[in-house]
Amino acid sequence: MPYATARVLLLFLPLLPMLPASPAGGPAARPADWSASPSGAGRPSFYAEGTAGTVLRDTVAVTNRGTGPLAVSLRGAGPGLRVAFAEAALDVPARTRAEVPFTVTVPADARPGDRAGRIVVRDSAGRESEVRVLIRVGGPRLAALTVEHVAVRGDRITYELVNRGTTALVPRLAVHADGVLGAVLDRAPRVLPVRLPPGRRLALYEPWPDRPALDAVTVRLTVTAPGAAQATGRASARFVSRGAAAGAAGGLLAAAAAAAAAAVSVRRRRRGPAVTEAEPRGALT
């Protein structure tokens, strides 16, 4: 434990009305009689800066303004922040402020940016007081974005955006598709209504209700974001609807029949007129 040998500082509150202290086992402090806050004056929350892997130190004050003892427990809350206290549970005498040292460890793989958490102090009656913890993780800010898993599924173009940098991104998307005879889809770049945090992957799709009924296409998605290099993803698809397939099949059959008829006619012309030999009748004289 970072504070295995540390001691909690207990300070008597001399400016409070001099009421007689309750003996041990007296009535517990009421909810309005105690509070939690950062040590020192004028700080509404904890704020610190550090790089990945560093250990930050501060002190939380639990003030018991009541006339009875106060039993509290302390814990940290919030994703990606590890909080350790010199004492996670303690008794605060009446009219006393307890100052409890604690540490916040920034994960070794933390990306640059802001993180938020809370220190939660809870009394024996289940009432809680919270203090915000704001940590700014330092380091180089990198904007990097990729577009992956592009596919055409029915009347949609599906894809995934991946933020591979260290800063949140608001991407722009352009869509283009070429068929056998040229462009069949061309959408100008537009800002997507998403904000992609660092390290996150987001599955999205583009509607394509007027896609071709019969064609072979190549779809190209181009994604950009401020400070990031342009990213491109591609996919190929073939469209064959039932109606188009039936029409194409009928056309092929008609063409095949016409070709067969032409071939028979050519063969007949090459053979010339047919000759029939008459059987001789009567007797020769």
C-alpha atoms as a PDB file:
ATOM      1  CA  MET A   1       0.000   0.000   0.000  1.00  0.00           C
ATOM      2  CA  PRO A   2       1.381   3.455  -0.865  1.00  0.00           C
ATOM      3  CA  TYR A   3       0.375   4.775   2.567  1.00  0.00           C
ATOM      4  CA  ALA A   4       0.898   1.709   4.738  1.00  0.00           C
ATOM      5  CA  THR A   5       2.686   3.760   7.440  1.00  0.00           C
ATOM      6  CA  ALA A   6       0.926   7.093   6.883  1.00  0.00           C
ATOM      7  CA  ARG A   7      -1.260   8.584   9.584  1.00  0.00           C
ATOM      8  CA  VAL A   8      -4.525  10.425   9.205  1.00  0.00           C
ATOM      9  CA  LEU A   9      -4.292  13.953  10.557  1.00  0.00           C
ATOM     10  CA  LEU A  10      -7.073  14.862  12.979  1.00  0.00           C
ATOM     11  CA  LEU A  11      -7.631  18.579  13.532  1.00  0.00           C
ATOM     12  CA  PHE A  12      -9.926  20.040  16.213  1.00  0.00           C
ATOM     13  CA  LEU A  13     -12.276  22.728  14.911  1.00  0.00           C
ATOM     14  CA  PRO A  14     -11.802  25.648  17.331  1.00  0.00           C
ATOM     15  CA  LEU A  15     -14.103  28.093  15.548  1.00  0.00           C
ATOM     16  CA  LEU A  16     -17.226  25.999  16.044  1.00  0.00           C
ATOM     17  CA  PRO A  17     -19.499  26.678  19.012  1.00  0.00           C
ATOM     18  CA  MET A  18     -18.011  25.127  22.108  1.00  0.00           C
ATOM     19  CA  LEU A  19     -20.547  22.408  22.669  1.00  0.00           C
ATOM     20  CA  PRO A  20     -19.712  19.580  25.030  1.00  0.00           C
ATOM     21  CA  ALA A  21     -18.381  16.553  23.205  1.00  0.00           C
ATOM     22  CA  SER A  22     -20.470  13.429  23.397  1.00  0.00           C
ATOM     23  CA  PRO A  23     -18.825  10.475  25.097  1.00  0.00           C
ATOM     24  CA  ALA A  24     -17.888   7.419  23.093  1.00  0.00           C
ATOM     25  CA  GLY A  25     -20.985   5.682  21.851  1.00  0.00           C
ATOM     26  CA  GLY A  26     -23.002   8.930  21.793  1.00  0.00           C
ATOM     27  CA  PRO A  27     -25.384   9.904  18.983  1.00  0.00           C
ATOM     28  CA  ALA A  28     -23.907   9.743  15.472  1.00  0.00           C
ATOM     29  CA  ALA A  29     -23.457  12.860  13.322  1.00  0.00           C
ATOM     30  CA  ARG A  30     -26.472  13.946  11.310  1.00  0.00           C
ATOM     31  CA  PRO A  31     -26.176  14.263   7.455  1.00  0.00           C
ATOM     32  CA  ALA A  32     -25.840  18.070   7.587  1.00  0.00           C
ATOM     33  CA  ASP A  33     -23.156  17.778  10.253  1.00  0.00           C
ATOM     34  CA  TRP A  34     -20.387  16.404   8.042  1.00  0.00           C
ATOM     35  CA  SER A  35     -18.883  16.917   4.582  1.00  0.00           C
ATOM     36  CA  ALA A  36     -15.993  15.878   2.345  1.00  0.00           C
ATOM     37  CA  SER A  37     -13.812  18.239   0.318  1.00  0.00           C
ATOM     38  CA  PRO A  38     -10.259  18.701  -0.956  1.00  0.00           C
ATOM     39  CA  SER A  39      -7.850  19.790   1.771  1.00  0.00           C
ATOM     40  CA  GLY A  40      -6.996  23.464   1.627  1.00  0.00           C
ATOM     41  CA  ALA A  41      -9.269  26.389   0.925  1.00  0.00           C
ATOM     42  CA  GLY A  42     -11.030  27.244  -2.315  1.00  0.00           C
ATOM     43  CA  ARG A  43     -10.793  23.957  -4.194  1.00  0.00           C
ATOM     44  CA  PRO A  44     -14.123  22.591  -5.421  1.00  0.00           C
ATOM     45  CA  SER A  45     -12.502  19.441  -6.810  1.00  0.00           C
ATOM     46  CA  PHE A  46      -9.197  17.637  -7.190  1.00  0.00           C
ATOM     47  CA  TYR A  47      -7.139  18.443 -10.259  1.00  0.00           C
ATOM     48  CA  ALA A  48      -3.736  17.081 -11.256  1.00  0.00           C
ATOM     49  CA  GLU A  49      -1.608  16.492 -14.322  1.00  0.00           C
ATOM     50  CA  GLY A  50       0.760  13.664 -15.106  1.00  0.00           C
ATOM     51  CA  THR A  51       1.957  11.289 -17.777  1.00  0.00           C
ATOM     52  CA  ALA A  52       1.018   7.631 -18.130  1.00  0.00           C
ATOM     53  CA  GLY A  53       2.275   5.502 -15.230  1.00  0.00           C
ATOM     54  CA  THR A  54       2.772   8.355 -12.746  1.00  0.00           C
ATOM     55  CA  VAL A  55       1.426   8.400  -9.182  1.00  0.00           C
ATOM     56  CA  LEU A  56      -0.321  11.600  -8.083  1.00  0.00           C
ATOM     57  CA  ARG A  57      -0.844  12.520  -4.411  1.00  0.00           C
ATOM     58  CA  ASP A  58      -3.367  14.686  -2.612  1.00  0.00           C
ATOM     59  CA  THR A  59      -5.448  14.825   0.576  1.00  0.00           C
ATOM     60  CA  VAL A  60      -9.190  14.672   1.170  1.00  0.00           C
ATOM     61  CA  ALA A  61     -10.727  16.287   4.249  1.00  0.00           C
ATOM     62  CA  VAL A  62     -13.686  14.772   6.107  1.00  0.00           C
ATOM     63  CA  THR A  63     -15.168  17.372   8.445  1.00  0.00           C
ATOM     64  CA  ASN A  64     -17.405  16.319  11.335  1.00  0.00           C
ATOM     65  CA  ARG A  65     -19.232  19.382  12.627  1.00  0.00           C
ATOM     66  CA  GLY A  66     -21.558  17.347  14.796  1.00  0.00           C
ATOM     67  CA  THR A  67     -21.499  16.543  18.475  1.00  0.00           C
ATOM     68  CA  GLY A  68     -21.102  12.829  17.976  1.00  0.00           C
ATOM     69  CA  PRO A  69     -18.507  10.562  16.367  1.00  0.00           C
ATOM     70  CA  LEU A  70     -18.635   9.866  12.651  1.00  0.00           C
ATOM     71  CA  ALA A  71     -17.699   6.545  11.035  1.00  0.00           C
ATOM     72  CA  VAL A  72     -16.958   6.774   7.314  1.00  0.00           C
ATOM     73  CA  SER A  73     -15.499   4.703   4.492  1.00  0.00           C
ATOM     74  CA  LEU A  74     -13.711   6.051   1.412  1.00  0.00           C
ATOM     75  CA  ARG A  75     -13.434   4.706  -2.110  1.00  0.00           C
ATOM     76  CA  GLY A  76     -12.523   5.885  -5.577  1.00  0.00           C
ATOM     77  CA  ALA A  77     -14.939   5.682  -8.502  1.00  0.00           C
ATOM     78  CA  GLY A  78     -14.574   6.259 -12.224  1.00  0.00           C
ATOM     79  CA  PRO A  79     -13.092   4.357 -15.180  1.00  0.00           C
ATOM     80  CA  GLY A  80      -9.351   4.091 -15.620  1.00  0.00           C
ATOM     81  CA  LEU A  81      -8.226   5.636 -12.306  1.00  0.00           C
ATOM     82  CA  ARG A  82      -6.804   3.655  -9.394  1.00  0.00           C
ATOM     83  CA  VAL A  83      -7.247   5.432  -6.046  1.00  0.00           C
ATOM     84  CA  ALA A  84      -5.611   4.256  -2.800  1.00  0.00           C
ATOM     85  CA  PHE A  85      -6.194   5.836   0.626  1.00  0.00           C
ATOM     86  CA  ALA A  86      -4.012   5.971   3.712  1.00  0.00           C
ATOM     87  CA  GLU A  87      -7.088   4.645   5.522  1.00  0.00           C
ATOM     88  CA  ALA A  88     -10.163   3.435   3.684  1.00  0.00           C
ATOM     89  CA  ALA A  89     -12.295   3.484   6.865  1.00  0.00           C
ATOM     90  CA  LEU A  90     -11.975   5.683   9.937  1.00  0.00           C
ATOM     91  CA  ASP A  91     -13.794   7.274  12.873  1.00  0.00           C
ATOM     92  CA  VAL A  92     -13.827  11.055  13.040  1.00  0.00           C
ATOM     93  CA  PRO A  93     -14.465  12.482  16.525  1.00  0.00           C
ATOM     94  CA  ALA A  94     -16.955  15.294  17.082  1.00  0.00           C
ATOM     95  CA  ARG A  95     -15.927  18.794  15.930  1.00  0.00           C
ATOM     96  CA  THR A  96     -12.899  17.366  14.128  1.00  0.00           C
ATOM     97  CA  ARG A  97     -11.551  17.383  10.597  1.00  0.00           C
ATOM     98  CA  ALA A  98      -9.720  14.291   9.378  1.00  0.00           C
ATOM     99  CA  GLU A  99      -7.267  14.763   6.517  1.00  0.00           C
ATOM    100  CA  VAL A 100      -6.737  11.529   4.627  1.00  0.00           C
ATOM    101  CA  PRO A 101      -3.863  11.256   2.113  1.00  0.00           C
ATOM    102  CA  PHE A 102      -4.518   9.330  -1.068  1.00  0.00           C
ATOM    103  CA  THR A 103      -2.852   8.513  -4.377  1.00  0.00           C
ATOM    104  CA  VAL A 104      -4.176   8.323  -7.932  1.00  0.00           C
ATOM    105  CA  THR A 105      -2.213   6.073 -10.276  1.00  0.00           C
ATOM    106  CA  VAL A 106      -2.419   6.895 -13.975  1.00  0.00           C
ATOM    107  CA  PRO A 107      -2.486   3.624 -15.964  1.00  0.00           C
ATOM    108  CA  ALA A 108       0.687   2.874 -17.909  1.00  0.00           C
ATOM    109  CA  ASP A 109      -1.296   2.597 -21.157  1.00  0.00           C
ATOM    110  CA  ALA A 110      -3.335   5.782 -20.615  1.00  0.00           C
ATOM    111  CA  ARG A 111      -3.671   7.965 -23.698  1.00  0.00           C
ATOM    112  CA  PRO A 112      -3.182  11.726 -23.459  1.00  0.00           C
ATOM    113  CA  GLY A 113      -6.342  13.606 -22.574  1.00  0.00           C
ATOM    114  CA  ASP A 114      -8.665  14.264 -19.640  1.00  0.00           C
ATOM    115  CA  ARG A 115     -10.050  11.666 -17.257  1.00  0.00           C
ATOM    116  CA  ALA A 116     -12.680  12.133 -14.581  1.00  0.00           C
ATOM    117  CA  GLY A 117     -13.445  10.205 -11.417  1.00  0.00           C
ATOM    118  CA  ARG A 118     -14.812  10.685  -7.902  1.00  0.00           C
ATOM    119  CA  ILE A 119     -13.887  10.156  -4.305  1.00  0.00           C
ATOM    120  CA  VAL A 120     -16.929   8.843  -2.464  1.00  0.00           C
ATOM    121  CA  VAL A 121     -17.197   9.146   1.321  1.00  0.00           C
ATOM    122  CA  ARG A 122     -19.997   7.132   2.942  1.00  0.00           C
ATOM    123  CA  ASP A 123     -21.177   7.200   6.544  1.00  0.00           C
ATOM    124  CA  SER A 124     -22.592   4.332   8.584  1.00  0.00           C
ATOM    125  CA  ALA A 125     -26.169   5.369   7.709  1.00  0.00           C
ATOM    126  CA  GLY A 126     -25.488   5.031   3.969  1.00  0.00           C
ATOM    127  CA  ARG A 127     -25.333   8.761   3.214  1.00  0.00           C
ATOM    128  CA  GLU A 128     -22.622   9.796   0.759  1.00  0.00           C
ATOM    129  CA  SER A 129     -20.582  12.872  -0.125  1.00  0.00           C
ATOM    130  CA  GLU A 130     -18.614  12.999  -3.402  1.00  0.00           C
ATOM    131  CA  VAL A 131     -15.638  15.043  -4.577  1.00  0.00           C
ATOM    132  CA  ARG A 132     -14.706  15.156  -8.278  1.00  0.00           C
ATOM    133  CA  VAL A 133     -11.246  14.087  -9.404  1.00  0.00           C
ATOM    134  CA  LEU A 134      -9.995  15.527 -12.714  1.00  0.00           C
ATOM    135  CA  ILE A 135      -6.762  14.134 -14.182  1.00  0.00           C
ATOM    136  CA  ARG A 136      -5.077  15.463 -17.321  1.00  0.00           C
ATOM    137  CA  VAL A 137      -2.815  12.840 -18.881  1.00  0.00           C
ATOM    138  CA  GLY A 138       0.073  14.473 -20.739  1.00  0.00           C
ATOM    139  CA  GLY A 139       1.867  13.271 -23.852  1.00  0.00           C
ATOM    140  CA  PRO A 140       1.942  13.835 -27.612  1.00  0.00           C
ATOM    141  CA  ARG A 141      -1.448  14.346 -29.248  1.00  0.00           C
ATOM    142  CA  LEU A 142      -1.838  12.243 -32.372  1.00  0.00           C
ATOM    143  CA  ALA A 143      -4.796  12.197 -34.781  1.00  0.00           C
ATOM    144  CA  ALA A 144      -5.073   8.898 -36.673  1.00  0.00           C
ATOM    145  CA  LEU A 145      -8.170   7.367 -38.270  1.00  0.00           C
ATOM    146  CA  THR A 146      -8.877   4.279 -40.386  1.00  0.00           C
ATOM    147  CA  VAL A 147     -11.979   2.977 -42.193  1.00  0.00           C
ATOM    148  CA  GLU A 148     -12.310  -0.806 -42.182  1.00  0.00           C
ATOM    149  CA  HIS A 149     -14.636  -3.705 -43.059  1.00  0.00           C
ATOM    150  CA  VAL A 150     -16.379  -1.888 -45.904  1.00  0.00           C
ATOM    151  CA  ALA A 151     -19.139  -4.023 -47.433  1.00  0.00           C
ATOM    152  CA  VAL A 152     -22.286  -3.651 -49.523  1.00  0.00           C
ATOM    153  CA  ARG A 153     -25.247  -5.378 -47.873  1.00  0.00           C
ATOM    154  CA  GLY A 154     -28.543  -4.963 -49.683  1.00  0.00           C
ATOM    155  CA  ASP A 155     -29.340  -1.264 -49.848  1.00  0.00           C
ATOM    156  CA  ARG A 156     -26.635  -0.296 -47.327  1.00  0.00           C
ATOM    157  CA  ILE A 157     -22.905   0.308 -47.346  1.00  0.00           C
ATOM    158  CA  THR A 158     -21.582  -0.827 -43.965  1.00  0.00           C
ATOM    159  CA  TYR A 159     -18.198   0.128 -42.507  1.00  0.00           C
ATOM    160  CA  GLU A 160     -16.266   0.700 -39.288  1.00  0.00           C
ATOM    161  CA  LEU A 161     -14.295   3.747 -38.167  1.00  0.00           C
ATOM    162  CA  VAL A 162     -11.342   3.229 -35.813  1.00  0.00           C
ATOM    163  CA  ASN A 163      -9.628   6.032 -33.890  1.00  0.00           C
ATOM    164  CA  ARG A 164      -6.008   4.900 -33.658  1.00  0.00           C
ATOM    165  CA  GLY A 165      -4.719   8.199 -32.249  1.00  0.00           C
ATOM    166  CA  THR A 166      -4.662   9.876 -28.862  1.00  0.00           C
ATOM    167  CA  THR A 167      -7.292  12.565 -29.352  1.00  0.00           C
ATOM    168  CA  ALA A 168     -11.037  12.518 -29.996  1.00  0.00           C
ATOM    169  CA  LEU A 169     -12.034  12.936 -33.645  1.00  0.00           C
ATOM    170  CA  VAL A 170     -15.068  14.220 -35.562  1.00  0.00           C
ATOM    171  CA  PRO A 171     -14.752  12.531 -39.001  1.00  0.00           C
ATOM    172  CA  ARG A 172     -15.906  13.613 -42.472  1.00  0.00           C
ATOM    173  CA  LEU A 173     -17.073  11.013 -45.007  1.00  0.00           C
ATOM    174  CA  ALA A 174     -17.229  10.994 -48.822  1.00  0.00           C
ATOM    175  CA  VAL A 175     -18.793   8.102 -50.783  1.00  0.00           C
ATOM    176  CA  HIS A 176     -18.129   7.134 -54.405  1.00  0.00           C
ATOM    177  CA  ALA A 177     -19.026   4.055 -56.457  1.00  0.00           C
ATOM    178  CA  ASP A 178     -18.138   3.107 -60.045  1.00  0.00           C
ATOM    179  CA  GLY A 179     -20.066   0.618 -62.153  1.00  0.00           C
ATOM    180  CA  VAL A 180     -19.315  -0.990 -65.516  1.00  0.00           C
ATOM    181  CA  LEU A 181     -20.361   2.121 -67.446  1.00  0.00           C
ATOM    182  CA  GLY A 182     -19.060   4.751 -65.001  1.00  0.00           C
ATOM    183  CA  ALA A 183     -19.978   6.421 -61.714  1.00  0.00           C
ATOM    184  CA  VAL A 184     -23.233   5.284 -60.098  1.00  0.00           C
ATOM    185  CA  LEU A 185     -22.850   7.049 -56.720  1.00  0.00           C
ATOM    186  CA  ASP A 186     -21.032  10.241 -55.725  1.00  0.00           C
ATOM    187  CA  ARG A 187     -21.671  11.903 -52.341  1.00  0.00           C
ATOM    188  CA  ALA A 188     -19.662  14.967 -51.353  1.00  0.00           C
ATOM    189  CA  PRO A 189     -17.747  14.982 -48.036  1.00  0.00           C
ATOM    190  CA  ARG A 190     -19.889  15.745 -44.988  1.00  0.00           C
ATOM    191  CA  VAL A 191     -19.325  15.790 -41.237  1.00  0.00           C
ATOM    192  CA  LEU A 192     -20.645  12.690 -39.493  1.00  0.00           C
ATOM    193  CA  PRO A 193     -22.742  13.265 -36.340  1.00  0.00           C
ATOM    194  CA  VAL A 194     -20.328  11.276 -34.158  1.00  0.00           C
ATOM    195  CA  ARG A 195     -17.401  12.012 -31.844  1.00  0.00           C
ATOM    196  CA  LEU A 196     -14.960   9.120 -31.748  1.00  0.00           C
ATOM    197  CA  PRO A 197     -12.806   8.847 -28.578  1.00  0.00           C
ATOM    198  CA  PRO A 198      -9.228   7.530 -28.789  1.00  0.00           C
ATOM    199  CA  GLY A 199      -8.954   3.781 -29.200  1.00  0.00           C
ATOM    200  CA  ARG A 200     -12.623   3.305 -30.026  1.00  0.00           C
ATOM    201  CA  ARG A 201     -14.240   1.461 -32.953  1.00  0.00           C
ATOM    202  CA  LEU A 202     -17.647   2.474 -34.316  1.00  0.00           C
ATOM    203  CA  ALA A 203     -19.840   0.525 -36.764  1.00  0.00           C
ATOM    204  CA  LEU A 204     -21.822   2.734 -39.183  1.00  0.00           C
ATOM    205  CA  TYR A 205     -23.657   2.458 -42.501  1.00  0.00           C
ATOM    206  CA  GLU A 206     -24.622   4.559 -45.516  1.00  0.00           C
ATOM    207  CA  PRO A 207     -28.093   4.040 -47.042  1.00  0.00           C
ATOM    208  CA  TRP A 208     -28.166   3.309 -50.793  1.00  0.00           C
ATOM    209  CA  PRO A 209     -31.831   2.853 -51.720  1.00  0.00           C
ATOM    210  CA  ASP A 210     -31.342   3.631 -55.447  1.00  0.00           C
ATOM    211  CA  ARG A 211     -28.509   1.203 -56.065  1.00  0.00           C
ATOM    212  CA  PRO A 212     -28.274  -0.377 -59.546  1.00  0.00           C
ATOM    213  CA  ALA A 213     -30.419  -3.387 -60.344  1.00  0.00           C
ATOM    214  CA  LEU A 214     -27.841  -4.979 -62.621  1.00  0.00           C
ATOM    215  CA  ASP A 215     -24.205  -3.944 -62.352  1.00  0.00           C
ATOM    216  CA  ALA A 216     -20.787  -4.737 -60.918  1.00  0.00           C
ATOM    217  CA  VAL A 217     -19.581  -1.876 -58.719  1.00  0.00           C
ATOM    218  CA  THR A 218     -16.561  -0.792 -56.688  1.00  0.00           C
ATOM    219  CA  VAL A 219     -17.392   1.347 -53.633  1.00  0.00           C
ATOM    220  CA  ARG A 220     -14.818   3.741 -52.170  1.00  0.00           C
ATOM    221  CA  LEU A 221     -15.212   5.464 -48.782  1.00  0.00           C
ATOM    222  CA  THR A 222     -12.886   8.374 -47.978  1.00  0.00           C
ATOM    223  CA  VAL A 223     -12.655   9.556 -44.360  1.00  0.00           C
ATOM    224  CA  THR A 224     -10.845  12.627 -43.016  1.00  0.00           C
ATOM    225  CA  ALA A 225     -10.559  14.376 -39.638  1.00  0.00           C
ATOM    226  CA  PRO A 226      -8.725  17.506 -38.463  1.00  0.00           C
ATOM    227  CA  GLY A 227      -5.034  16.717 -38.117  1.00  0.00           C
ATOM    228  CA  ALA A 228      -5.394  13.142 -39.392  1.00  0.00           C
ATOM    229  CA  ALA A 229      -4.257  11.690 -42.694  1.00  0.00           C
ATOM    230  CA  GLN A 230      -6.926  10.718 -45.217  1.00  0.00           C
ATOM    231  CA  ALA A 231      -8.134   7.117 -44.914  1.00  0.00           C
ATOM    232  CA  THR A 232      -9.780   5.054 -47.682  1.00  0.00           C
ATOM    233  CA  GLY A 233     -11.688   1.786 -47.685  1.00  0.00           C
ATOM    234  CA  ARG A 234     -13.033  -0.180 -50.678  1.00  0.00           C
ATOM    235  CA  ALA A 235     -15.451  -2.977 -51.412  1.00  0.00           C
ATOM    236  CA  SER A 236     -16.804  -4.678 -54.558  1.00  0.00           C
ATOM    237  CA  ALA A 237     -20.312  -5.974 -55.201  1.00  0.00           C
ATOM    238  CA  ARG A 238     -22.490  -7.374 -58.000  1.00  0.00           C
ATOM    239  CA  PHE A 239     -26.155  -6.484 -58.280  1.00  0.00           C
ATOM    240  CA  VAL A 240     -28.525  -8.908 -60.080  1.00  0.00           C
ATOM    241  CA  SER A 241     -32.225  -8.432 -59.346  1.00  0.00           C
ATOM    242  CA  ARG A 242     -34.826 -11.080 -60.277  1.00  0.00           C
ATOM    243  CA  GLY A 243     -36.473  -8.894 -62.865  1.00  0.00           C
ATOM    244  CA  ALA A 244     -33.199  -7.927 -64.459  1.00  0.00           C
ATOM    245  CA  ALA A 245     -31.996 -11.516 -64.370  1.00  0.00           C
ATOM    246  CA  ALA A 246     -35.224 -12.743 -66.026  1.00  0.00           C
ATOM    247  CA  GLY A 247     -34.987 -10.046 -68.696  1.00  0.00           C
ATOM    248  CA  ALA A 248     -31.355 -10.845 -69.333  1.00  0.00           C
ATOM    249  CA  ALA A 249     -32.125 -14.563 -69.530  1.00  0.00           C
ATOM    250  CA  GLY A 250     -34.988 -13.923 -71.988  1.00  0.00           C
ATOM    251  CA  GLY A 251     -32.719 -11.772 -74.108  1.00  0.00           C
ATOM    252  CA  LEU A 252     -30.046 -14.450 -74.133  1.00  0.00           C
ATOM    253  CA  LEU A 253     -32.581 -17.122 -75.123  1.00  0.00           C
ATOM    254  CA  ALA A 254     -33.946 -14.951 -77.939  1.00  0.00           C
ATOM    255  CA  ALA A 255     -30.443 -14.242 -79.160  1.00  0.00           C
ATOM    256  CA  ALA A 256     -29.595 -17.934 -79.023  1.00  0.00           C
ATOM    257  CA  ALA A 257     -32.728 -18.869 -80.986  1.00  0.00           C
ATOM    258  CA  ALA A 258     -31.994 -16.265 -83.626  1.00  0.00           C
ATOM    259  CA  ALA A 259     -28.430 -17.508 -83.922  1.00  0.00           C
ATOM    260  CA  ALA A 260     -29.604 -21.112 -84.304  1.00  0.00           C
ATOM    261  CA  ALA A 261     -32.101 -20.158 -87.053  1.00  0.00           C
ATOM    262  CA  ALA A 262     -29.422 -18.246 -88.901  1.00  0.00           C
ATOM    263  CA  ALA A 263     -27.067 -21.222 -88.717  1.00  0.00           C
ATOM    264  CA  VAL A 264     -29.697 -23.585 -90.208  1.00  0.00           C
ATOM    265  CA  SER A 265     -30.371 -21.147 -93.054  1.00  0.00           C
ATOM    266  CA  VAL A 266     -26.693 -20.889 -93.850  1.00  0.00           C
ATOM    267  CA  ARG A 267     -26.295 -24.661 -93.939  1.00  0.00           C
ATOM    268  CA  ARG A 268     -29.238 -25.004 -96.320  1.00  0.00           C
ATOM    269  CA  ARG A 269     -27.839 -22.391 -98.698  1.00  0.00           C
ATOM    270  CA  ARG A 270     -24.490 -24.159 -98.777  1.00  0.00           C
ATOM    271  CA  ARG A 271     -26.062 -27.548 -99.759  1.00  0.00           C
ATOM    272  CA  GLY A 272     -27.972 -26.195-102.843  1.00  0.00           C
ATOM    273  CA  PRO A 273     -31.402 -27.445-104.175  1.00  0.00           C
ATOM    274  CA  ALA A 274     -32.482 -30.990-103.267  1.00  0.00           C
ATOM    275  CA  VAL A 275     -32.657 -33.540-106.223  1.00  0.00           C
ATOM    276  CA  THR A 276     -35.219 -36.405-106.297  1.00  0.00           C
ATOM    277  CA  GLU A 277     -34.637 -39.334-108.586  1.00  0.00           C
ATOM    278  CA  ALA A 278     -37.918 -40.657-110.160  1.00  0.00           C
ATOM    279  CA  GLU A 279     -38.446 -44.377-110.200  1.00  0.00           C
ATOM    280  CA  PRO A 280     -38.745 -45.590-113.889  1.00  0.00           C
ATOM    281  CA  ARG A 281     -42.095 -46.966-114.803  1.00  0.00           C
ATOM    282  CA  GLY A 282     -43.185 -49.265-117.735  1.00  0.00           C
ATOM    283  CA  ALA A 283     -41.191 -51.741-119.885  1.00  0.00           C
ATOM    284  CA  LEU A 284     -38.312 -50.964-122.165  1.00  0.00           C
ATOM    285  CA  THR A 285     -38.694 -51.787-125.700  1.00  0.00           C
END
